[in-house]
Amino acid sequence: MISFKTEQKPASPKQRVTQRRRLRACIQLIFFLLAPSVYTAAFSGIKEIATAIGAGEPLAFSSFAAALLVVCVYTIVFGRFFCGYACAFGSFGDAVYALSQLIQRKLKRRLPQIPETAVRRMQKIKYLVLAVIVVLCAAGVYAGLSGWSPWDVFSMLTALKWCGSAYALGIVLLVLIMAGMTVKERFFCQFLCPMGAVFALLPVIGRYMRKRETCLMRCSACVKSCPVCVETDADNARMGECISCGKCSDICPKRNISYAGRVSDGNAPLAVVVRAVILFAACAVFGLVRV
């Protein structure tokens, strides 16, 4: 009996990137369909806490506070994986940007690009957005400003509910944000997301880290691929902006980018799936998954 053994060739860098992008898209789709309200619930936790403090009332451990605790603790331990893989609004932005890039390639026209220096300055806007919302909640004013929130509109749409004319301003703001998403990857996450501001301030353990001393000269492939213009160096003060999408790890020709300094291939599929399963399980325990 003759047997033929065929050796499977290792995936090329291009195939590796494609496989990992597909895995990320699958995880994003699962969270988008089954847990789209995690972002809104966590953000409601911040508003609830600020309102209680402003009114001098005791803090209560509500479902919104639980959602905020889950995503914050998870982010401290695993980095901003929620932002890169599980946030429904972030995934929506990725889809809008991908569609925009496809249309631009088909039409052979490029939309105006935001310079990197401007991007870094505009990333500070989200801290102002967070501060304004917290102040308005503490002053007891925010609750009366119904119908203007674009993420409330998005949340209702993902729940297959029509907003109505009462949310006209929120709809307009959402459309404007979508226009920004066509120009800049992760437009909302970088510039306007109040939860992104919270995550960027957390002391994160599970960061992506680069061994810069072994990098190829004049490579900078990781920086060019990063949607939020961050260099993954341990001493980089801007590392809080990293959304843990793993694009830097996928594109690095020298495999110099590790996860938390321990996982040599920072975006290995098994490590990504494990983080996704842990987050999904945590969301399920606190009732943040659709059943």
Protein backbone atom coordinates (compact mmCIF):
# COMPACT_ATOMS: atom_id res chain seq x y z
CA MET A 1 0.00 0.00 0.00
CA ILE A 2 1.47 3.29 -1.09
CA SER A 3 0.72 6.42 0.85
CA PHE A 4 1.38 9.91 -0.32
CA LYS A 5 2.18 12.59 2.20
CA THR A 6 1.85 16.18 1.23
CA GLU A 7 3.53 18.85 3.24
CA GLN A 8 1.40 21.87 3.86
CA LYS A 9 3.22 25.07 3.04
CA PRO A 10 3.18 27.74 5.73
CA ALA A 11 0.94 30.66 4.98
CA SER A 12 2.56 33.59 3.24
CA PRO A 13 2.54 36.98 5.00
CA LYS A 14 -0.29 38.10 2.72
CA GLN A 15 -2.34 34.96 3.46
CA ARG A 16 -1.66 35.36 7.19
CA VAL A 17 -2.97 38.92 7.16
CA THR A 18 -6.05 37.90 5.16
CA GLN A 19 -6.86 35.02 7.52
CA ARG A 20 -6.56 37.23 10.58
CA ARG A 21 -8.66 39.98 9.05
CA ARG A 22 -11.37 37.43 8.38
CA LEU A 23 -11.17 36.17 11.96
CA ARG A 24 -11.49 39.72 13.27
CA ALA A 25 -14.45 40.38 10.96
CA CYS A 26 -16.18 37.22 12.24
CA ILE A 27 -15.68 38.22 15.88
CA GLN A 28 -16.92 41.74 15.15
CA LEU A 29 -20.03 40.34 13.44
CA ILE A 30 -20.81 38.02 16.37
CA PHE A 31 -20.58 40.84 18.91
CA PHE A 32 -22.50 43.20 16.61
CA LEU A 33 -25.39 40.76 16.31
CA LEU A 34 -25.44 39.35 19.84
CA ALA A 35 -24.06 42.14 22.06
CA PRO A 36 -24.57 45.48 20.31
CA SER A 37 -25.66 47.36 23.43
CA VAL A 38 -22.52 46.87 25.57
CA TYR A 39 -21.11 50.26 24.58
CA THR A 40 -24.35 52.12 25.31
CA ALA A 41 -24.82 50.29 28.62
CA ALA A 42 -21.25 51.05 29.76
CA PHE A 43 -21.58 54.69 28.78
CA SER A 44 -24.90 54.88 30.61
CA GLY A 45 -22.99 53.70 33.68
CA ILE A 46 -20.74 56.77 33.47
CA LYS A 47 -23.74 59.07 33.09
CA GLU A 48 -25.50 57.37 35.99
CA ILE A 49 -22.49 57.74 38.31
CA ALA A 50 -21.97 61.42 37.36
CA THR A 51 -25.66 62.17 37.89
CA ALA A 52 -25.67 60.50 41.31
CA ILE A 53 -22.55 62.38 42.42
CA GLY A 54 -23.98 65.70 41.22
CA ALA A 55 -27.22 65.08 43.10
CA GLY A 56 -25.41 63.96 46.25
CA GLU A 57 -27.07 60.54 46.09
CA PRO A 58 -25.43 57.22 47.04
CA LEU A 59 -24.01 55.17 44.16
CA ALA A 60 -26.06 52.11 43.23
CA PHE A 61 -24.72 49.00 41.52
CA SER A 62 -27.13 48.94 38.58
CA SER A 63 -26.93 46.97 35.34
CA PHE A 64 -25.30 50.01 33.70
CA ALA A 65 -22.66 50.19 36.42
CA ALA A 66 -22.06 46.47 35.96
CA ALA A 67 -21.52 46.95 32.22
CA LEU A 68 -19.07 49.77 32.89
CA LEU A 69 -17.20 47.64 35.43
CA VAL A 70 -16.97 44.71 33.01
CA VAL A 71 -15.50 46.65 30.10
CA CYS A 72 -13.13 48.70 32.30
CA VAL A 73 -11.72 45.70 34.20
CA TYR A 74 -11.46 43.75 30.96
CA THR A 75 -9.63 46.66 29.30
CA ILE A 76 -7.15 46.96 32.17
CA VAL A 77 -6.30 43.26 31.87
CA PHE A 78 -6.49 42.68 28.12
CA GLY A 79 -6.10 46.11 26.56
CA ARG A 80 -8.69 47.81 24.37
CA PHE A 81 -9.79 44.56 22.74
CA PHE A 82 -13.38 45.64 23.25
CA CYS A 83 -12.74 48.68 21.05
CA GLY A 84 -10.94 46.77 18.33
CA TYR A 85 -13.17 43.69 18.17
CA ALA A 86 -16.42 43.98 20.12
CA CYS A 87 -17.74 47.55 20.07
CA ALA A 88 -20.74 47.69 17.73
CA PHE A 89 -20.14 51.35 16.89
CA GLY A 90 -16.45 50.68 16.15
CA SER A 91 -17.33 47.72 13.94
CA PHE A 92 -19.90 49.85 12.14
CA GLY A 93 -17.19 52.46 11.53
CA ASP A 94 -14.86 49.79 10.13
CA ALA A 95 -17.58 48.67 7.71
CA VAL A 96 -18.28 52.24 6.56
CA TYR A 97 -14.57 52.92 6.06
CA ALA A 98 -14.03 49.64 4.16
CA LEU A 99 -16.98 50.41 1.87
CA SER A 100 -15.61 53.91 1.30
CA GLN A 101 -12.18 52.53 0.38
CA LEU A 102 -13.77 50.05 -2.04
CA ILE A 103 -15.78 52.78 -3.77
CA GLN A 104 -12.73 55.04 -3.99
CA ARG A 105 -10.70 52.26 -5.62
CA LYS A 106 -13.48 51.54 -8.10
CA LEU A 107 -13.81 55.22 -8.99
CA LYS A 108 -10.02 55.73 -8.90
CA ARG A 109 -10.51 58.80 -6.76
CA ARG A 110 -9.23 59.53 -3.28
CA LEU A 111 -11.05 61.55 -0.65
CA PRO A 112 -9.01 64.21 1.18
CA GLN A 113 -6.88 62.73 3.96
CA ILE A 114 -6.43 64.14 7.47
CA PRO A 115 -2.71 64.84 8.15
CA GLU A 116 -1.18 62.77 10.97
CA THR A 117 -0.33 65.86 13.02
CA ALA A 118 -3.98 66.95 12.83
CA VAL A 119 -5.12 63.45 13.79
CA ARG A 120 -3.03 63.52 16.97
CA ARG A 121 -4.47 66.88 17.94
CA MET A 122 -8.03 65.89 17.13
CA GLN A 123 -7.70 62.77 19.31
CA LYS A 124 -7.87 65.09 22.32
CA ILE A 125 -11.42 66.18 21.40
CA LYS A 126 -12.93 63.04 22.92
CA TYR A 127 -11.64 64.04 26.36
CA LEU A 128 -13.52 67.32 26.02
CA VAL A 129 -16.66 65.43 24.93
CA LEU A 130 -16.36 63.20 28.01
CA ALA A 131 -15.81 66.16 30.33
CA VAL A 132 -18.80 68.09 28.95
CA ILE A 133 -21.12 65.09 29.29
CA VAL A 134 -19.96 64.38 32.85
CA VAL A 135 -20.49 68.04 33.84
CA LEU A 136 -23.94 68.11 32.25
CA CYS A 137 -24.92 64.91 34.06
CA ALA A 138 -23.60 66.18 37.40
CA ALA A 139 -25.53 69.43 36.91
CA GLY A 140 -28.72 67.47 36.22
CA VAL A 141 -29.03 68.97 32.74
CA TYR A 142 -28.15 66.00 30.55
CA ALA A 143 -31.41 64.11 31.12
CA GLY A 144 -33.34 66.99 29.57
CA LEU A 145 -31.28 66.96 26.38
CA SER A 146 -33.08 64.02 24.80
CA GLY A 147 -32.92 63.29 21.09
CA TRP A 148 -29.45 64.62 20.32
CA SER A 149 -27.26 61.59 21.07
CA PRO A 150 -25.98 59.83 17.90
CA TRP A 151 -25.05 56.69 19.84
CA ASP A 152 -28.58 56.46 21.27
CA VAL A 153 -29.88 56.63 17.70
CA PHE A 154 -27.42 53.94 16.63
CA SER A 155 -28.41 51.76 19.59
CA MET A 156 -32.08 51.97 18.64
CA LEU A 157 -31.31 51.15 15.03
CA THR A 158 -29.33 48.04 16.01
CA ALA A 159 -32.32 47.04 18.13
CA LEU A 160 -34.47 47.48 14.98
CA LYS A 161 -36.38 50.39 16.49
CA TRP A 162 -37.19 53.54 14.56
CA CYS A 163 -36.09 56.72 16.34
CA GLY A 164 -38.72 59.09 15.04
CA SER A 165 -38.63 62.86 14.65
CA ALA A 166 -37.78 63.32 18.34
CA TYR A 167 -34.25 62.16 17.50
CA ALA A 168 -33.81 64.35 14.42
CA LEU A 169 -30.66 66.03 15.78
CA GLY A 170 -29.18 62.69 16.78
CA ILE A 171 -29.85 61.34 13.29
CA VAL A 172 -28.14 64.36 11.71
CA LEU A 173 -25.11 63.95 13.99
CA LEU A 174 -24.93 60.24 13.19
CA VAL A 175 -24.96 61.00 9.45
CA LEU A 176 -22.16 63.56 9.93
CA ILE A 177 -20.14 61.01 11.91
CA MET A 178 -20.66 58.48 9.12
CA ALA A 179 -19.32 61.05 6.66
CA GLY A 180 -16.20 61.34 8.83
CA MET A 181 -15.92 57.54 8.89
CA THR A 182 -15.56 57.50 5.11
CA VAL A 183 -12.48 59.74 5.32
CA LYS A 184 -10.65 58.47 8.40
CA GLU A 185 -10.53 54.96 9.83
CA ARG A 186 -12.02 54.83 13.33
CA PHE A 187 -13.12 58.45 13.05
CA PHE A 188 -15.58 58.34 15.95
CA CYS A 189 -13.36 56.17 18.16
CA GLN A 190 -10.39 58.50 17.82
CA PHE A 191 -12.01 61.90 17.96
CA LEU A 192 -15.44 61.76 19.61
CA CYS A 193 -15.91 58.60 21.67
CA PRO A 194 -16.27 59.41 25.40
CA MET A 195 -15.75 55.75 26.33
CA GLY A 196 -12.57 55.80 24.27
CA ALA A 197 -11.38 58.67 26.46
CA VAL A 198 -12.06 56.57 29.56
CA PHE A 199 -10.24 53.55 28.16
CA ALA A 200 -7.25 55.65 27.08
CA LEU A 201 -6.80 56.79 30.69
CA LEU A 202 -6.88 53.28 32.21
CA PRO A 203 -3.65 51.59 33.37
CA VAL A 204 -3.60 48.78 30.81
CA ILE A 205 -1.62 45.57 31.39
CA GLY A 206 -2.28 43.74 28.12
CA ARG A 207 -0.72 46.11 25.60
CA TYR A 208 0.90 45.43 22.27
CA MET A 209 4.65 46.01 22.55
CA ARG A 210 7.33 46.44 19.89
CA LYS A 211 11.00 45.38 20.09
CA ARG A 212 12.24 48.47 18.33
CA GLU A 213 15.93 47.54 18.50
CA THR A 214 15.40 44.59 16.13
CA CYS A 215 13.22 46.43 13.60
CA LEU A 216 14.25 46.82 9.98
CA MET A 217 15.65 50.23 9.18
CA ARG A 218 13.11 52.67 7.69
CA CYS A 219 10.35 50.04 7.88
CA SER A 220 7.55 51.67 9.94
CA ALA A 221 5.04 49.20 8.49
CA CYS A 222 3.32 48.95 11.88
CA VAL A 223 2.84 52.71 12.16
CA LYS A 224 1.54 53.01 8.61
CA SER A 225 -1.01 50.25 9.22
CA CYS A 226 -2.18 51.62 12.58
CA PRO A 227 -5.65 53.20 12.31
CA VAL A 228 -4.98 55.47 15.29
CA CYS A 229 -1.40 56.56 14.47
CA VAL A 230 0.31 54.93 17.47
CA GLU A 231 3.80 53.46 17.75
CA THR A 232 3.61 50.41 20.01
CA ASP A 233 6.59 51.25 22.20
CA ALA A 234 6.36 50.54 25.93
CA ASP A 235 7.43 54.09 26.83
CA ASN A 236 5.02 55.79 24.42
CA ALA A 237 2.73 58.12 26.36
CA ARG A 238 0.10 57.78 23.62
CA MET A 239 -0.27 53.99 23.93
CA GLY A 240 -3.65 54.52 25.56
CA GLU A 241 -4.95 55.32 22.07
CA CYS A 242 -4.17 51.76 20.89
CA ILE A 243 -7.44 49.93 20.15
CA SER A 244 -5.79 46.45 20.11
CA CYS A 245 -6.89 45.74 16.55
CA GLY A 246 -3.61 43.85 16.00
CA LYS A 247 -2.89 45.26 12.56
CA CYS A 248 0.64 46.20 13.61
CA SER A 249 1.36 42.63 14.72
CA ASP A 250 -0.07 41.17 11.52
CA ILE A 251 1.93 43.40 9.18
CA CYS A 252 5.31 43.30 10.98
CA PRO A 253 7.82 41.46 8.71
CA LYS A 254 10.08 40.60 11.67
CA ARG A 255 7.30 39.52 14.08
CA ASN A 256 8.66 42.08 16.55
CA ILE A 257 5.34 42.98 18.13
CA SER A 258 4.26 40.91 21.09
CA TYR A 259 1.16 40.98 23.26
CA ALA A 260 1.73 41.96 26.90
CA GLY A 261 5.42 41.12 26.47
CA ARG A 262 4.64 37.39 26.68
CA VAL A 263 2.80 36.25 23.55
CA SER A 264 5.48 36.54 20.86
CA ASP A 265 2.95 36.78 18.03
CA GLY A 266 0.77 39.49 19.46
CA ASN A 267 -2.22 38.75 17.23
CA ALA A 268 -2.04 34.96 17.02
CA PRO A 269 -5.52 33.56 16.23
CA LEU A 270 -5.67 31.43 19.39
CA ALA A 271 -4.84 34.42 21.63
CA VAL A 272 -7.48 36.51 19.85
CA VAL A 273 -10.17 33.82 20.18
CA VAL A 274 -9.39 33.33 23.88
CA ARG A 275 -9.76 37.06 24.56
CA ALA A 276 -13.00 37.14 22.56
CA VAL A 277 -14.46 34.16 24.44
CA ILE A 278 -13.57 35.68 27.84
CA LEU A 279 -15.20 39.00 26.90
CA PHE A 280 -18.29 37.30 25.48
CA ALA A 281 -18.65 35.15 28.60
CA ALA A 282 -18.33 38.22 30.86
CA CYS A 283 -20.99 40.04 28.82
CA ALA A 284 -23.27 36.99 29.02
CA VAL A 285 -22.91 36.73 32.81
CA PHE A 286 -24.03 40.35 33.23
CA GLY A 287 -26.92 40.01 30.80
CA LEU A 288 -25.38 42.01 27.97
CA VAL A 289 -25.89 39.33 25.30
CA ARG A 290 -29.08 38.94 23.30
CA VAL A 291 -30.91 35.65 23.85
